[in-house]
Amino acid sequence: MMLDLYAASCEGQDVCLSSLCLASSVAPSTAMRKINDLITRGHIRRMPDPVDGRRTNVSLSPRTFRFIDDAIAEVIEEAKVVAGAPPDGDDSHGPAGVS
């Protein structure tokens, strides 16, 4: 659920509560319990849909978005190291690895 919300936020898309429940691949009651827990903990925000008052949208809190964004950046940097590429900001090898 959190990665779905992260991806939607990166793409500037709204996510309605019912869609998030369906995407979770668990029973709706289980999904709602988890969503309510994440709301209580401050990881997810719930707000009315500005276009359709019958719907409720959910999104990551700014703090949780930054946490996930930083974690993904760390994984990408680690993957570069494992693959033998220099980490971002390492210009010691010059262009195309030429010293």
C-alpha atoms as a PDB file:
ATOM      1  CA  MET A   1       0.000   0.000   0.000  1.00  0.00           C
ATOM      2  CA  MET A   2       2.757   2.419   0.929  1.00  0.00           C
ATOM      3  CA  LEU A   3       4.625   1.864  -2.338  1.00  0.00           C
ATOM      4  CA  ASP A   4       1.384   2.257  -4.298  1.00  0.00           C
ATOM      5  CA  LEU A   5       0.830   5.599  -2.584  1.00  0.00           C
ATOM      6  CA  TYR A   6       4.468   6.583  -3.179  1.00  0.00           C
ATOM      7  CA  ALA A   7       4.241   5.785  -6.901  1.00  0.00           C
ATOM      8  CA  ALA A   8       0.931   7.653  -7.229  1.00  0.00           C
ATOM      9  CA  SER A   9       2.415  10.677  -5.485  1.00  0.00           C
ATOM     10  CA  CYS A  10       5.440  10.657  -7.814  1.00  0.00           C
ATOM     11  CA  GLU A  11       3.049  10.627 -10.780  1.00  0.00           C
ATOM     12  CA  GLY A  12       0.808  13.330  -9.297  1.00  0.00           C
ATOM     13  CA  GLN A  13      -2.178  10.994  -9.119  1.00  0.00           C
ATOM     14  CA  ASP A  14      -4.876  10.824  -6.464  1.00  0.00           C
ATOM     15  CA  VAL A  15      -5.658   7.474  -4.849  1.00  0.00           C
ATOM     16  CA  CYS A  16      -9.127   6.818  -3.521  1.00  0.00           C
ATOM     17  CA  LEU A  17      -9.524   4.767  -0.385  1.00  0.00           C
ATOM     18  CA  SER A  18     -11.483   1.990  -2.102  1.00  0.00           C
ATOM     19  CA  SER A  19      -8.817   1.616  -4.820  1.00  0.00           C
ATOM     20  CA  LEU A  20      -6.092   1.309  -2.200  1.00  0.00           C
ATOM     21  CA  CYS A  21      -8.104  -1.388  -0.426  1.00  0.00           C
ATOM     22  CA  LEU A  22      -8.524  -3.321  -3.687  1.00  0.00           C
ATOM     23  CA  ALA A  23      -4.836  -2.972  -4.575  1.00  0.00           C
ATOM     24  CA  SER A  24      -3.799  -4.403  -1.214  1.00  0.00           C
ATOM     25  CA  SER A  25      -5.001  -7.900  -2.226  1.00  0.00           C
ATOM     26  CA  VAL A  26      -6.390  -8.575   1.243  1.00  0.00           C
ATOM     27  CA  ALA A  27      -9.921  -8.551   2.613  1.00  0.00           C
ATOM     28  CA  PRO A  28     -11.400  -5.042   2.685  1.00  0.00           C
ATOM     29  CA  SER A  29     -11.745  -5.165   6.467  1.00  0.00           C
ATOM     30  CA  THR A  30      -8.055  -6.083   6.827  1.00  0.00           C
ATOM     31  CA  ALA A  31      -7.029  -3.322   4.430  1.00  0.00           C
ATOM     32  CA  MET A  32      -9.104  -0.753   6.334  1.00  0.00           C
ATOM     33  CA  ARG A  33      -7.589  -1.811   9.667  1.00  0.00           C
ATOM     34  CA  LYS A  34      -4.084  -1.361   8.237  1.00  0.00           C
ATOM     35  CA  ILE A  35      -4.974   1.965   6.607  1.00  0.00           C
ATOM     36  CA  ASN A  36      -6.515   3.266   9.847  1.00  0.00           C
ATOM     37  CA  ASP A  37      -3.400   2.170  11.734  1.00  0.00           C
ATOM     38  CA  LEU A  38      -1.180   4.020   9.229  1.00  0.00           C
ATOM     39  CA  ILE A  39      -3.392   7.111   9.550  1.00  0.00           C
ATOM     40  CA  THR A  40      -3.190   6.963  13.353  1.00  0.00           C
ATOM     41  CA  ARG A  41       0.607   6.682  13.150  1.00  0.00           C
ATOM     42  CA  GLY A  42       0.775   9.699  10.831  1.00  0.00           C
ATOM     43  CA  HIS A  43       2.037   7.845   7.747  1.00  0.00           C
ATOM     44  CA  ILE A  44      -1.080   8.305   5.608  1.00  0.00           C
ATOM     45  CA  ARG A  45      -3.455  11.262   5.266  1.00  0.00           C
ATOM     46  CA  ARG A  46      -7.139  10.962   4.452  1.00  0.00           C
ATOM     47  CA  MET A  47      -8.990  13.803   2.697  1.00  0.00           C
ATOM     48  CA  PRO A  48     -12.237  14.262   0.783  1.00  0.00           C
ATOM     49  CA  ASP A  49     -12.045  14.025  -2.991  1.00  0.00           C
ATOM     50  CA  PRO A  50     -12.337  17.617  -4.270  1.00  0.00           C
ATOM     51  CA  VAL A  51     -14.364  16.509  -7.311  1.00  0.00           C
ATOM     52  CA  ASP A  52     -16.544  13.696  -5.953  1.00  0.00           C
ATOM     53  CA  GLY A  53     -17.716  14.270  -2.384  1.00  0.00           C
ATOM     54  CA  ARG A  54     -18.673  10.603  -2.036  1.00  0.00           C
ATOM     55  CA  ARG A  55     -15.052   9.496  -2.308  1.00  0.00           C
ATOM     56  CA  THR A  56     -12.158   9.749   0.117  1.00  0.00           C
ATOM     57  CA  ASN A  57      -8.593  10.098  -1.126  1.00  0.00           C
ATOM     58  CA  VAL A  58      -5.503   8.948   0.728  1.00  0.00           C
ATOM     59  CA  SER A  59      -1.859   9.941   0.370  1.00  0.00           C
ATOM     60  CA  LEU A  60       1.429   9.547   2.171  1.00  0.00           C
ATOM     61  CA  SER A  61       2.299  12.166   4.752  1.00  0.00           C
ATOM     62  CA  PRO A  62       5.201  14.386   3.630  1.00  0.00           C
ATOM     63  CA  ARG A  63       7.445  12.803   6.285  1.00  0.00           C
ATOM     64  CA  THR A  64       6.685   9.268   5.117  1.00  0.00           C
ATOM     65  CA  PHE A  65       7.110  10.254   1.463  1.00  0.00           C
ATOM     66  CA  ARG A  66      10.593  11.645   2.238  1.00  0.00           C
ATOM     67  CA  PHE A  67      11.495   8.512   4.232  1.00  0.00           C
ATOM     68  CA  ILE A  68      10.532   6.187   1.352  1.00  0.00           C
ATOM     69  CA  ASP A  69      12.197   8.484  -1.204  1.00  0.00           C
ATOM     70  CA  ASP A  70      15.450   8.480   0.811  1.00  0.00           C
ATOM     71  CA  ALA A  71      15.302   4.704   1.260  1.00  0.00           C
ATOM     72  CA  ILE A  72      14.854   4.151  -2.483  1.00  0.00           C
ATOM     73  CA  ALA A  73      17.759   6.517  -3.215  1.00  0.00           C
ATOM     74  CA  GLU A  74      19.964   4.503  -0.834  1.00  0.00           C
ATOM     75  CA  VAL A  75      18.996   1.232  -2.535  1.00  0.00           C
ATOM     76  CA  ILE A  76      19.817   2.736  -5.950  1.00  0.00           C
ATOM     77  CA  GLU A  77      23.211   3.931  -4.720  1.00  0.00           C
ATOM     78  CA  GLU A  78      23.961   0.514  -3.207  1.00  0.00           C
ATOM     79  CA  ALA A  79      22.961  -1.172  -6.473  1.00  0.00           C
ATOM     80  CA  LYS A  80      25.403   1.084  -8.326  1.00  0.00           C
ATOM     81  CA  VAL A  81      28.186   0.037  -5.962  1.00  0.00           C
ATOM     82  CA  VAL A  82      27.342  -3.640  -6.410  1.00  0.00           C
ATOM     83  CA  ALA A  83      27.278  -3.143 -10.187  1.00  0.00           C
ATOM     84  CA  GLY A  84      30.659  -1.402 -10.072  1.00  0.00           C
ATOM     85  CA  ALA A  85      29.415   2.054 -11.029  1.00  0.00           C
ATOM     86  CA  PRO A  86      30.703   5.030  -9.046  1.00  0.00           C
ATOM     87  CA  PRO A  87      28.178   6.494  -6.598  1.00  0.00           C
ATOM     88  CA  ASP A  88      26.561   9.845  -7.424  1.00  0.00           C
ATOM     89  CA  GLY A  89      28.883  12.762  -6.852  1.00  0.00           C
ATOM     90  CA  ASP A  90      32.043  10.680  -7.433  1.00  0.00           C
ATOM     91  CA  ASP A  91      33.779  12.428 -10.318  1.00  0.00           C
ATOM     92  CA  SER A  92      37.242  11.063  -9.513  1.00  0.00           C
ATOM     93  CA  HIS A  93      37.202   8.861 -12.604  1.00  0.00           C
ATOM     94  CA  GLY A  94      36.222  11.589 -15.057  1.00  0.00           C
ATOM     95  CA  PRO A  95      33.855  10.949 -17.933  1.00  0.00           C
ATOM     96  CA  ALA A  96      33.128   7.345 -18.833  1.00  0.00           C
ATOM     97  CA  GLY A  97      35.449   6.057 -16.092  1.00  0.00           C
ATOM     98  CA  VAL A  98      38.590   7.693 -17.542  1.00  0.00           C
ATOM     99  CA  SER A  99      41.111   8.785 -14.891  1.00  0.00           C
END
